[in-house]
Amino acid sequence: VLKGEGEEVYEPLFTFHGFRYVKITGYPGEVKLDNFSAVVLYSALETSGNFECSDKRINQLQSNIMWSQKGNMLSIPTDCPQRERSGFTGDIQVYAPTACFNMDMAAFLTRWLRNLKAEQRPDGAVPVMVPYFPAIEELQAGMGTHTSAGWGDACIIVPWTLYQVYGDKQILEDMYPVMVKWLDYIFQDAAANIPENLTGEMTKERRERQRYLWNTGFHFGDWLIPSLCDEQDGAMRGAFATKELVATCFYAYSAELTANIARILSKTGDADYYQDLAGKVRQAFAAEYLGEDGSFPAHFQGIYVLALQMKMVPEAMRDKVLNQLVGLIEKNGYRLDTGFLSVPFLMDVLSENGRRDVANKILYQTQSPSWLYQVEKGATTMWERWEAILPNGKVTGSSFNHYAFGCIGDWLYRMVGGIRLGKEGYRHSVIQPEPDEHLTYAKTRFHSVYGEIAVEWRLNARTMSLAVTIPANTTATVVLPAAKLNNVRESGMSVELTKGVLAAAETENAVTLEVGSGSYQFEYCYKKGMGC
């Protein structure tokens, strides 16, 4: 490349390489660190959020998430910067909420979604990656399909995420025809075939419900489930074990999201159709797969997570299904056994169903598989597999820069930091931090389209302080956990006398305040602390 005549500069324009370590050979002279520099390449995306807490390990996890995002946002959202470097649709589908907290993703992902629209196939299938280049197209053709549940659903879930975060329904308008074609594809694929490997009696009723089960063809399933994916075994075992249940869950979930989108776009007929379709898929799922004890034939953490998150079981059975999930987690020593598609929902399912205690044990777990296992192994970016470095120190061939499992970042911002979406675009936010016994403070900020939302809470043995900033032209609901109204002060004053506090109410476990824009400093005697 270089002629060897004087000073020359060569900088390739059409390739990049992700790395952590560099080996220098053949250097003429003493090798000194100062003689070398690395150039960080990623699209010029503004940082929009930050999360920090009193646990340095969690802060390192957040740093790892952010660096994996930087390393994979180069023109398109790639899966990894050192191997495929491709726009896998499933990866960004699970990671989009975290991505939008960390960086302003509106223009970047809108442009990528235009590419997705162009790549949608005539039958409505959405490829597993965008752009969809010939080598992968040939590989997928060998599997009999160009798409997969959870990957193709990016055409619905990513636009919905952008609308929620940024409040601009134009992306829904632009992508709605793609969503309709995608759901038509699923409907046709599910209804046209009955799997040859079905066991049990095929009654008329059972035959009818097969039309609403997406149990045909290839799917990646809950990709990379640890217990079904070791160094020797590859990843396909998990795909084959979970694909039917996972695909049907996403069928119902995407149908309901499309119903919501249709209502926003004033397409009431479509909204009713897709809501009805989601209901039929859920009924078929429960009838085909749900046992009387709340179990599923694919007995893995992720299946229970998806079934609960996507409302695939009757209300009367939710507790039994939750107990099955918690039982699996406890049996696994509070370690993860979730794959790509279920892990984004795991912590929310536990938190929102009264098992935050289990979620905390998972968060602070350091044995593999877990998020902090990677941190304790010295990771500086997120790994593709939970055990990319084995407990015995052996380095595997997995990617060491894969953002998908960084989807925990969204939960950290919302549940630990306390910044939650109230109305699209954060024109109304919900400030509701949930401290736990491991942390003494958390500082979170997010620059919404209206301005910066900031939350900082600190906890000592007796008091909880909460500093909140709400941007102009927005409102917020502030939930003070374990508070009594007569103990709450804002800048030393009773909240009932505070300008900007529009309403205050006390429940058994919290005080809820409705506030306008401005900065507030709340302090109160924390009921869970000493001396209250």
Protein backbone atom coordinates (compact mmCIF):
# COMPACT_ATOMS: atom_id res chain seq x y z
CA VAL A 1 0.00 0.00 0.00
CA LEU A 2 2.77 2.41 0.93
CA LYS A 3 5.56 3.25 -1.53
CA GLY A 4 8.14 3.87 1.18
CA GLU A 5 9.07 7.36 -0.02
CA GLY A 6 8.81 9.95 2.72
CA GLU A 7 5.72 10.49 4.84
CA GLU A 8 2.62 8.81 3.46
CA VAL A 9 -0.92 8.57 4.78
CA TYR A 10 -3.27 5.73 3.94
CA GLU A 11 -6.75 5.60 5.42
CA PRO A 12 -9.23 3.06 3.99
CA LEU A 13 -12.67 4.50 3.37
CA PHE A 14 -14.69 1.33 2.86
CA THR A 15 -13.72 -0.92 5.73
CA PHE A 16 -13.44 -0.82 9.50
CA HIS A 17 -12.40 -3.26 12.20
CA GLY A 18 -13.63 -3.64 15.73
CA PHE A 19 -10.91 -4.61 18.20
CA ARG A 20 -9.64 -4.24 21.75
CA TYR A 21 -6.03 -5.40 21.37
CA VAL A 22 -3.53 -4.76 18.58
CA LYS A 23 -0.39 -6.79 17.90
CA ILE A 24 2.46 -4.84 16.30
CA THR A 25 5.03 -6.80 14.27
CA GLY A 26 7.87 -5.66 12.02
CA TYR A 27 8.04 -2.17 13.50
CA PRO A 28 11.45 -0.54 12.76
CA GLY A 29 12.51 0.57 16.20
CA GLU A 30 11.36 0.45 19.80
CA VAL A 31 7.63 -0.05 20.12
CA LYS A 32 6.16 2.70 22.30
CA LEU A 33 2.51 3.16 23.10
CA ASP A 34 2.71 6.86 22.24
CA ASN A 35 3.64 6.01 18.65
CA PHE A 36 0.20 4.56 17.91
CA SER A 37 -3.35 5.80 18.03
CA ALA A 38 -6.71 4.27 17.17
CA VAL A 39 -9.48 6.09 15.36
CA VAL A 40 -12.97 5.55 16.74
CA LEU A 41 -15.54 5.36 13.95
CA TYR A 42 -19.28 5.74 14.43
CA SER A 43 -22.05 7.89 13.05
CA ALA A 44 -22.25 11.36 14.59
CA LEU A 45 -25.07 10.64 17.02
CA GLU A 46 -25.61 13.05 19.89
CA THR A 47 -25.48 11.54 23.37
CA SER A 48 -28.94 11.98 24.86
CA GLY A 49 -28.77 10.13 28.16
CA ASN A 50 -26.62 8.98 31.02
CA PHE A 51 -27.06 6.63 33.95
CA GLU A 52 -24.83 6.47 37.02
CA CYS A 53 -25.23 4.83 40.42
CA SER A 54 -23.28 3.96 43.56
CA ASP A 55 -22.24 0.51 42.27
CA LYS A 56 -19.13 0.77 40.08
CA ARG A 57 -19.93 -2.54 38.43
CA ILE A 58 -23.29 -1.27 37.19
CA ASN A 59 -21.56 1.88 35.94
CA GLN A 60 -19.10 -0.28 34.01
CA LEU A 61 -22.03 -2.21 32.57
CA GLN A 62 -23.55 1.08 31.38
CA SER A 63 -20.19 2.06 29.87
CA ASN A 64 -19.98 -1.30 28.09
CA ILE A 65 -23.48 -0.79 26.69
CA MET A 66 -22.63 2.69 25.44
CA TRP A 67 -19.37 1.61 23.79
CA SER A 68 -21.08 -1.30 22.04
CA GLN A 69 -23.65 1.14 20.74
CA LYS A 70 -20.95 3.48 19.45
CA GLY A 71 -19.06 0.62 17.85
CA ASN A 72 -22.13 -0.63 16.02
CA MET A 73 -23.79 2.56 14.81
CA LEU A 74 -21.87 3.22 11.62
CA SER A 75 -24.24 4.13 8.79
CA ILE A 76 -26.47 1.20 9.80
CA PRO A 77 -27.10 -0.55 13.14
CA THR A 78 -24.73 -3.51 12.84
CA ASP A 79 -24.70 -6.59 15.03
CA CYS A 80 -20.94 -6.45 15.60
CA PRO A 81 -18.06 -4.40 14.14
CA GLN A 82 -15.54 -7.21 13.67
CA ARG A 83 -17.37 -10.15 12.05
CA GLU A 84 -20.63 -9.88 10.07
CA ARG A 85 -20.93 -6.07 10.48
CA SER A 86 -24.47 -6.43 9.20
CA GLY A 87 -27.80 -4.80 9.96
CA PHE A 88 -29.51 -7.72 11.65
CA THR A 89 -33.11 -6.73 12.22
CA GLY A 90 -33.57 -8.76 15.40
CA ASP A 91 -30.64 -7.12 17.17
CA ILE A 92 -31.86 -3.55 16.77
CA GLN A 93 -35.43 -4.64 17.50
CA VAL A 94 -34.49 -5.74 21.02
CA TYR A 95 -32.02 -2.90 21.61
CA ALA A 96 -33.92 0.12 20.21
CA PRO A 97 -35.35 1.35 23.57
CA THR A 98 -31.89 1.41 25.15
CA ALA A 99 -30.38 2.96 22.03
CA CYS A 100 -32.86 5.83 22.20
CA PHE A 101 -32.03 6.54 25.85
CA ASN A 102 -28.29 6.67 25.15
CA MET A 103 -28.28 8.58 21.85
CA ASP A 104 -30.57 10.58 19.59
CA MET A 105 -31.53 7.79 17.19
CA ALA A 106 -34.45 9.45 15.38
CA ALA A 107 -32.80 10.31 12.06
CA PHE A 108 -30.42 7.33 12.06
CA LEU A 109 -33.11 4.68 12.55
CA THR A 110 -35.62 6.47 10.33
CA ARG A 111 -33.13 6.27 7.49
CA TRP A 112 -32.44 2.59 8.22
CA LEU A 113 -36.18 1.86 8.24
CA ARG A 114 -36.41 3.34 4.76
CA ASN A 115 -33.83 0.74 3.73
CA LEU A 116 -35.91 -1.95 5.42
CA LYS A 117 -38.95 -0.80 3.46
CA ALA A 118 -36.98 -1.12 0.23
CA GLU A 119 -35.75 -4.61 1.18
CA GLN A 120 -39.17 -6.04 2.06
CA ARG A 121 -39.81 -8.94 -0.27
CA PRO A 122 -42.84 -9.14 -2.61
CA ASP A 123 -44.59 -11.66 -0.33
CA GLY A 124 -44.23 -9.31 2.66
CA ALA A 125 -41.31 -11.07 4.37
CA VAL A 126 -38.84 -8.76 6.09
CA PRO A 127 -35.25 -10.05 5.76
CA VAL A 128 -33.17 -10.99 8.78
CA MET A 129 -30.78 -8.19 7.91
CA VAL A 130 -30.98 -4.80 6.19
CA PRO A 131 -29.28 -4.21 3.78
CA TYR A 132 -29.83 -7.76 2.53
CA PHE A 133 -26.77 -8.75 0.51
CA PRO A 134 -26.58 -11.77 -1.84
CA ALA A 135 -24.42 -14.09 0.28
CA ILE A 136 -26.87 -13.97 3.19
CA GLU A 137 -29.84 -14.14 0.83
CA GLU A 138 -28.47 -17.44 -0.52
CA LEU A 139 -27.83 -18.75 3.00
CA GLN A 140 -31.36 -17.92 4.14
CA ALA A 141 -32.83 -19.43 0.98
CA GLY A 142 -31.19 -22.69 2.00
CA MET A 143 -33.17 -22.54 5.24
CA GLY A 144 -36.38 -22.14 3.27
CA THR A 145 -37.14 -18.59 4.37
CA HIS A 146 -35.69 -15.10 4.27
CA THR A 147 -37.10 -14.02 7.61
CA SER A 148 -37.76 -15.03 11.21
CA ALA A 149 -40.14 -14.05 13.97
CA GLY A 150 -38.59 -11.37 16.15
CA TRP A 151 -36.34 -10.29 13.30
CA GLY A 152 -38.98 -9.33 10.75
CA ASP A 153 -41.05 -7.77 13.55
CA ALA A 154 -38.50 -4.95 13.63
CA CYS A 155 -40.65 -3.31 10.94
CA ILE A 156 -43.31 -2.74 13.62
CA ILE A 157 -41.43 -2.60 16.92
CA VAL A 158 -38.69 -0.14 15.91
CA PRO A 159 -41.11 2.46 14.43
CA TRP A 160 -43.31 2.07 17.51
CA THR A 161 -40.29 2.71 19.74
CA LEU A 162 -39.35 5.83 17.76
CA TYR A 163 -42.90 7.14 18.03
CA GLN A 164 -42.98 6.52 21.77
CA VAL A 165 -39.66 8.26 22.39
CA TYR A 166 -39.86 11.16 19.92
CA GLY A 167 -43.61 11.64 19.49
CA ASP A 168 -43.56 12.00 15.69
CA LYS A 169 -46.21 9.82 14.07
CA GLN A 170 -44.79 10.37 10.57
CA ILE A 171 -42.65 7.27 11.00
CA LEU A 172 -45.83 5.29 11.67
CA GLU A 173 -47.42 6.70 8.52
CA ASP A 174 -44.36 5.84 6.46
CA MET A 175 -44.00 2.29 7.77
CA TYR A 176 -47.66 1.31 8.07
CA PRO A 177 -47.85 -0.34 4.62
CA VAL A 178 -44.78 -2.41 5.54
CA MET A 179 -46.42 -3.51 8.79
CA VAL A 180 -49.60 -4.56 6.99
CA LYS A 181 -47.66 -6.58 4.40
CA TRP A 182 -45.60 -8.23 7.15
CA LEU A 183 -48.68 -9.30 9.11
CA ASP A 184 -50.33 -10.52 5.91
CA TYR A 185 -47.23 -12.63 5.28
CA ILE A 186 -47.42 -14.14 8.78
CA PHE A 187 -51.15 -14.80 8.43
CA GLN A 188 -50.68 -16.62 5.14
CA ASP A 189 -47.66 -18.59 6.34
CA ALA A 190 -49.37 -19.65 9.58
CA ALA A 191 -52.70 -20.53 7.99
CA ALA A 192 -51.36 -22.40 4.97
CA ASN A 193 -49.51 -25.19 6.73
CA ILE A 194 -49.92 -27.62 9.60
CA PRO A 195 -46.62 -29.03 10.94
CA GLU A 196 -46.00 -32.68 10.16
CA ASN A 197 -44.51 -33.34 13.60
CA LEU A 198 -47.65 -32.50 15.60
CA THR A 199 -48.53 -35.13 18.21
CA GLY A 200 -51.87 -35.84 19.83
CA GLU A 201 -55.38 -36.04 18.47
CA MET A 202 -56.19 -33.64 15.64
CA THR A 203 -59.74 -32.60 16.47
CA LYS A 204 -61.71 -30.14 14.38
CA GLU A 205 -61.17 -27.47 17.03
CA ARG A 206 -57.44 -28.10 17.14
CA ARG A 207 -57.16 -28.05 13.37
CA GLU A 208 -58.94 -24.69 13.30
CA ARG A 209 -56.60 -23.08 15.81
CA GLN A 210 -53.52 -24.15 13.83
CA ARG A 211 -54.36 -21.25 11.49
CA TYR A 212 -53.40 -18.84 14.26
CA LEU A 213 -50.22 -20.57 15.41
CA TRP A 214 -47.04 -19.56 13.58
CA ASN A 215 -45.56 -23.02 13.95
CA THR A 216 -44.21 -23.58 10.45
CA GLY A 217 -40.88 -22.91 8.79
CA PHE A 218 -37.56 -21.83 10.22
CA HIS A 219 -37.17 -19.28 13.03
CA PHE A 220 -34.22 -18.32 15.21
CA GLY A 221 -36.42 -18.70 18.29
CA ASP A 222 -35.10 -17.30 21.55
CA TRP A 223 -31.63 -17.13 20.06
CA LEU A 224 -28.61 -18.13 22.18
CA ILE A 225 -30.30 -19.58 25.26
CA PRO A 226 -27.31 -20.48 27.50
CA SER A 227 -28.55 -23.92 28.57
CA LEU A 228 -29.07 -24.91 24.92
CA CYS A 229 -25.97 -23.31 23.52
CA ASP A 230 -22.52 -24.38 24.62
CA GLU A 231 -19.20 -24.08 22.81
CA GLN A 232 -19.56 -27.47 21.12
CA ASP A 233 -23.29 -27.46 20.47
CA GLY A 234 -23.76 -24.30 18.45
CA ALA A 235 -26.95 -22.25 18.64
CA MET A 236 -29.54 -24.03 16.53
CA ARG A 237 -30.71 -26.37 19.31
CA GLY A 238 -32.34 -23.43 21.07
CA ALA A 239 -33.89 -22.24 17.84
CA PHE A 240 -35.56 -25.59 17.16
CA ALA A 241 -36.69 -26.00 20.79
CA THR A 242 -38.44 -22.63 21.07
CA LYS A 243 -39.29 -21.39 17.58
CA GLU A 244 -43.01 -22.25 17.49
CA LEU A 245 -43.90 -20.63 20.81
CA VAL A 246 -41.67 -17.61 20.25
CA ALA A 247 -43.02 -17.01 16.75
CA THR A 248 -46.63 -17.18 17.90
CA CYS A 249 -45.93 -14.77 20.78
CA PHE A 250 -44.49 -12.22 18.37
CA TYR A 251 -47.40 -12.77 15.98
CA ALA A 252 -49.86 -11.64 18.66
CA TYR A 253 -47.60 -8.87 19.95
CA SER A 254 -47.06 -7.33 16.52
CA ALA A 255 -50.76 -7.61 15.68
CA GLU A 256 -51.65 -5.67 18.84
CA LEU A 257 -48.99 -3.02 18.23
CA THR A 258 -50.32 -2.59 14.70
CA ALA A 259 -53.83 -2.20 16.15
CA ASN A 260 -52.49 0.59 18.39
CA ILE A 261 -50.75 2.22 15.45
CA ALA A 262 -53.88 1.99 13.30
CA ARG A 263 -55.85 3.85 16.00
CA ILE A 264 -53.25 6.62 16.11
CA LEU A 265 -53.53 6.91 12.32
CA SER A 266 -57.37 6.94 12.54
CA LYS A 267 -57.67 3.61 10.72
CA THR A 268 -60.39 2.28 13.02
CA GLY A 269 -61.37 -0.65 10.81
CA ASP A 270 -57.79 -1.88 10.68
CA ALA A 271 -57.43 -1.36 14.42
CA ASP A 272 -60.43 -3.57 15.15
CA TYR A 273 -59.19 -6.24 12.73
CA TYR A 274 -55.69 -6.47 14.19
CA GLN A 275 -56.94 -6.38 17.78
CA ASP A 276 -59.28 -9.26 16.98
CA LEU A 277 -56.44 -11.12 15.26
CA ALA A 278 -54.21 -10.70 18.32
CA GLY A 279 -56.97 -12.13 20.49
CA LYS A 280 -57.43 -15.18 18.27
CA VAL A 281 -53.68 -15.87 18.25
CA ARG A 282 -53.56 -15.64 22.05
CA GLN A 283 -56.51 -17.98 22.47
CA ALA A 284 -54.94 -20.51 20.11
CA PHE A 285 -51.58 -20.26 21.91
CA ALA A 286 -53.09 -20.89 25.34
CA ALA A 287 -55.24 -23.76 24.09
CA GLU A 288 -52.34 -25.47 22.30
CA TYR A 289 -49.44 -24.95 24.69
CA LEU A 290 -50.51 -23.88 28.20
CA GLY A 291 -50.70 -26.62 30.84
CA GLU A 292 -53.04 -26.58 33.84
CA ASP A 293 -50.06 -25.90 36.11
CA GLY A 294 -48.96 -22.88 34.05
CA SER A 295 -46.18 -24.74 32.24
CA PHE A 296 -45.24 -24.81 28.55
CA PRO A 297 -43.75 -27.70 26.54
CA ALA A 298 -40.66 -25.56 25.88
CA HIS A 299 -39.76 -25.18 29.57
CA PHE A 300 -37.31 -22.27 29.42
CA GLN A 301 -37.18 -18.91 31.16
CA GLY A 302 -37.65 -16.96 27.95
CA ILE A 303 -40.89 -18.68 26.95
CA TYR A 304 -42.53 -17.68 30.24
CA VAL A 305 -41.17 -14.15 29.92
CA LEU A 306 -42.63 -13.70 26.43
CA ALA A 307 -45.94 -15.30 27.37
CA LEU A 308 -46.38 -12.90 30.28
CA GLN A 309 -45.11 -9.79 28.50
CA MET A 310 -47.16 -10.40 25.37
CA LYS A 311 -50.34 -11.38 27.26
CA MET A 312 -50.47 -14.88 25.82
CA VAL A 313 -52.17 -16.47 28.84
CA PRO A 314 -55.55 -15.83 30.48
CA GLU A 315 -55.50 -13.47 33.44
CA ALA A 316 -56.49 -16.27 35.80
CA MET A 317 -53.36 -18.23 34.80
CA ARG A 318 -50.78 -15.45 35.07
CA ASP A 319 -49.75 -16.27 38.64
CA LYS A 320 -49.14 -19.92 37.75
CA VAL A 321 -47.06 -18.92 34.71
CA LEU A 322 -45.11 -16.42 36.83
CA ASN A 323 -44.44 -19.12 39.42
CA GLN A 324 -43.05 -21.38 36.69
CA LEU A 325 -40.70 -18.59 35.60
CA VAL A 326 -39.54 -17.81 39.13
CA GLY A 327 -39.06 -21.51 39.80
CA LEU A 328 -36.76 -21.84 36.79
CA ILE A 329 -34.78 -18.78 37.85
CA GLU A 330 -34.39 -20.04 41.42
CA LYS A 331 -33.39 -23.50 40.21
CA ASN A 332 -30.74 -21.85 38.03
CA GLY A 333 -29.29 -19.95 40.99
CA TYR A 334 -30.73 -16.58 39.86
CA ARG A 335 -28.69 -16.77 36.68
CA LEU A 336 -29.89 -15.93 33.20
CA ASP A 337 -31.18 -18.52 30.78
CA THR A 338 -32.78 -16.09 28.35
CA GLY A 339 -31.95 -15.51 24.70
CA PHE A 340 -32.02 -12.51 22.37
CA LEU A 341 -35.79 -12.13 22.13
CA SER A 342 -36.83 -12.63 25.76
CA VAL A 343 -34.08 -10.90 27.72
CA PRO A 344 -35.38 -7.35 26.94
CA PHE A 345 -38.58 -8.18 28.84
CA LEU A 346 -37.24 -10.34 31.69
CA MET A 347 -36.62 -7.61 34.25
CA ASP A 348 -39.88 -5.80 33.50
CA VAL A 349 -41.93 -8.98 33.76
CA LEU A 350 -40.47 -9.65 37.21
CA SER A 351 -40.69 -6.03 38.40
CA GLU A 352 -44.24 -5.44 37.18
CA ASN A 353 -45.53 -8.70 38.62
CA GLY A 354 -44.36 -8.16 42.18
CA ARG A 355 -41.00 -9.96 41.96
CA ARG A 356 -38.54 -7.09 41.96
CA ASP A 357 -36.64 -9.10 44.57
CA VAL A 358 -35.88 -11.74 41.93
CA ALA A 359 -34.96 -9.07 39.37
CA ASN A 360 -32.46 -7.57 41.82
CA LYS A 361 -30.83 -10.94 42.45
CA ILE A 362 -30.39 -11.35 38.70
CA LEU A 363 -29.01 -7.82 38.29
CA TYR A 364 -26.33 -8.25 40.97
CA GLN A 365 -25.47 -11.84 40.05
CA THR A 366 -21.79 -12.30 39.19
CA GLN A 367 -21.79 -15.99 38.27
CA SER A 368 -22.30 -16.88 34.63
CA PRO A 369 -24.62 -16.37 32.86
CA SER A 370 -25.18 -12.80 34.09
CA TRP A 371 -24.53 -9.19 33.15
CA LEU A 372 -22.00 -8.62 35.92
CA TYR A 373 -20.12 -11.82 35.07
CA GLN A 374 -18.98 -10.04 31.91
CA VAL A 375 -17.95 -6.99 33.92
CA GLU A 376 -15.94 -9.07 36.38
CA LYS A 377 -14.21 -10.78 33.45
CA GLY A 378 -12.96 -7.36 32.35
CA ALA A 379 -15.37 -6.70 29.48
CA THR A 380 -15.40 -3.19 28.03
CA THR A 381 -18.22 -3.88 25.55
CA MET A 382 -21.21 -6.23 25.53
CA TRP A 383 -20.72 -9.82 24.46
CA GLU A 384 -22.69 -11.85 21.92
CA ARG A 385 -22.92 -14.80 24.30
CA TRP A 386 -23.15 -14.75 28.07
CA GLU A 387 -20.01 -16.92 28.29
CA ALA A 388 -17.83 -15.49 25.53
CA ILE A 389 -15.06 -16.01 28.10
CA LEU A 390 -15.68 -19.25 29.98
CA PRO A 391 -15.44 -19.42 33.79
CA ASN A 392 -12.12 -21.28 33.39
CA GLY A 393 -10.74 -18.31 31.45
CA LYS A 394 -10.91 -19.88 28.00
CA VAL A 395 -11.68 -17.36 25.27
CA THR A 396 -14.30 -18.59 22.79
CA GLY A 397 -14.90 -17.54 19.21
CA SER A 398 -17.93 -15.43 20.08
CA SER A 399 -18.20 -11.73 19.36
CA PHE A 400 -17.03 -9.43 22.14
CA ASN A 401 -18.91 -6.40 20.83
CA HIS A 402 -22.59 -7.23 20.35
CA TYR A 403 -25.10 -4.77 21.79
CA ALA A 404 -28.22 -7.00 21.96
CA PHE A 405 -27.81 -8.10 25.59
CA GLY A 406 -27.20 -4.45 26.48
CA CYS A 407 -30.99 -4.03 26.36
CA ILE A 408 -30.85 -4.05 30.19
CA GLY A 409 -29.88 -0.38 29.86
CA ASP A 410 -33.49 0.60 29.17
CA TRP A 411 -34.57 -1.00 32.47
CA LEU A 412 -31.77 0.75 34.38
CA TYR A 413 -32.87 4.16 33.09
CA ARG A 414 -36.54 3.52 33.89
CA MET A 415 -36.70 1.31 36.97
CA VAL A 416 -33.53 2.21 38.84
CA GLY A 417 -32.98 5.76 37.58
CA GLY A 418 -36.69 6.53 37.52
CA ILE A 419 -37.31 8.19 34.12
CA ARG A 420 -40.35 6.55 32.57
CA LEU A 421 -42.50 7.46 29.59
CA GLY A 422 -45.91 8.90 30.40
CA LYS A 423 -47.06 10.12 26.98
CA GLU A 424 -45.38 9.91 23.60
CA GLY A 425 -42.36 12.17 23.22
CA TYR A 426 -42.20 12.57 27.01
CA ARG A 427 -44.72 15.42 26.93
CA HIS A 428 -45.71 13.74 30.17
CA SER A 429 -43.16 11.71 32.09
CA VAL A 430 -43.39 9.49 35.14
CA ILE A 431 -40.60 9.90 37.67
CA GLN A 432 -40.59 6.74 39.74
CA PRO A 433 -37.25 5.45 40.99
CA GLU A 434 -37.20 2.19 42.89
CA PRO A 435 -34.21 2.10 45.27
CA ASP A 436 -32.89 -1.22 46.48
CA GLU A 437 -30.64 -2.24 49.34
CA HIS A 438 -27.56 -2.39 47.10
CA LEU A 439 -27.53 1.28 46.08
CA THR A 440 -27.25 4.61 47.90
CA TYR A 441 -27.78 6.86 44.89
CA ALA A 442 -28.56 6.98 41.18
CA LYS A 443 -28.26 9.90 38.74
CA THR A 444 -30.11 9.72 35.45
CA ARG A 445 -30.68 12.23 32.70
CA PHE A 446 -32.37 12.06 29.33
CA HIS A 447 -32.63 14.83 26.74
CA SER A 448 -36.14 14.48 25.34
CA VAL A 449 -37.49 16.43 22.36
CA TYR A 450 -38.80 18.97 24.91
CA GLY A 451 -35.56 19.31 26.85
CA GLU A 452 -33.65 17.57 29.59
CA ILE A 453 -35.33 15.34 32.15
CA ALA A 454 -33.05 14.75 35.14
CA VAL A 455 -33.49 12.61 38.24
CA GLU A 456 -31.08 12.13 41.12
CA TRP A 457 -32.01 10.19 44.21
CA ARG A 458 -29.94 9.60 47.33
CA LEU A 459 -30.72 7.34 50.22
CA ASN A 460 -29.26 7.13 53.69
CA ALA A 461 -30.36 5.33 56.83
CA ARG A 462 -33.26 7.69 57.45
CA THR A 463 -34.00 9.94 54.51
CA MET A 464 -34.61 9.86 50.79
CA SER A 465 -33.80 12.91 48.67
CA LEU A 466 -34.99 13.25 45.09
CA ALA A 467 -33.92 16.05 42.73
CA VAL A 468 -36.09 16.29 39.62
CA THR A 469 -35.97 18.54 36.55
CA ILE A 470 -38.93 18.61 34.17
CA PRO A 471 -38.58 20.52 30.86
CA ALA A 472 -40.83 23.36 29.71
CA ASN A 473 -44.21 22.59 28.14
CA THR A 474 -44.39 19.18 29.80
CA THR A 475 -45.80 17.71 33.00
CA ALA A 476 -44.83 14.78 35.18
CA THR A 477 -46.13 12.36 37.75
CA VAL A 478 -43.61 11.98 40.57
CA VAL A 479 -43.92 8.85 42.70
CA LEU A 480 -42.06 8.94 46.02
CA PRO A 481 -41.63 5.36 47.24
CA ALA A 482 -42.18 4.50 50.91
CA ALA A 483 -43.28 8.07 51.73
CA LYS A 484 -45.92 9.73 53.92
CA LEU A 485 -47.40 12.98 52.64
CA ASN A 486 -46.94 14.84 55.91
CA ASN A 487 -43.21 13.99 55.85
CA VAL A 488 -42.46 15.18 52.32
CA ARG A 489 -40.74 18.53 51.88
CA GLU A 490 -39.76 20.38 48.72
CA SER A 491 -36.85 22.75 49.33
CA GLY A 492 -37.82 22.71 53.01
CA MET A 493 -41.50 23.50 52.43
CA SER A 494 -44.62 21.36 52.51
CA VAL A 495 -45.36 20.10 49.01
CA GLU A 496 -48.89 21.44 49.35
CA LEU A 497 -47.39 24.95 49.38
CA THR A 498 -44.92 24.34 46.57
CA LYS A 499 -45.40 26.23 43.33
CA GLY A 500 -45.55 23.76 40.48
CA VAL A 501 -47.01 20.90 42.50
CA LEU A 502 -50.50 20.59 41.03
CA ALA A 503 -51.82 17.69 43.11
CA ALA A 504 -50.67 15.35 45.87
CA ALA A 505 -52.03 12.03 47.08
CA GLU A 506 -50.92 9.32 49.50
CA THR A 507 -51.33 5.59 49.01
CA GLU A 508 -50.24 2.70 51.20
CA ASN A 509 -46.75 2.51 49.69
CA ALA A 510 -46.03 5.90 48.13
CA VAL A 511 -46.86 9.57 47.67
CA THR A 512 -47.86 10.61 44.16
CA LEU A 513 -47.42 14.21 42.97
CA GLU A 514 -48.52 15.86 39.74
CA VAL A 515 -46.06 18.60 38.78
CA GLY A 516 -45.44 21.09 36.01
CA SER A 517 -42.12 22.03 34.46
CA GLY A 518 -39.30 23.19 36.71
CA SER A 519 -36.74 21.87 39.18
CA TYR A 520 -37.71 20.29 42.47
CA GLN A 521 -35.83 19.03 45.52
CA PHE A 522 -37.89 16.56 47.53
CA GLU A 523 -36.83 15.06 50.85
CA TYR A 524 -38.66 12.81 53.26
CA CYS A 525 -38.29 10.22 55.96
CA TYR A 526 -37.97 6.93 54.10
CA LYS A 527 -40.32 4.37 55.67
CA LYS A 528 -37.99 1.49 54.90
CA GLY A 529 -35.17 3.26 56.74
CA MET A 530 -34.37 3.41 60.43
CA GLY A 531 -36.32 5.70 62.73
CA CYS A 532 -39.41 6.36 60.56
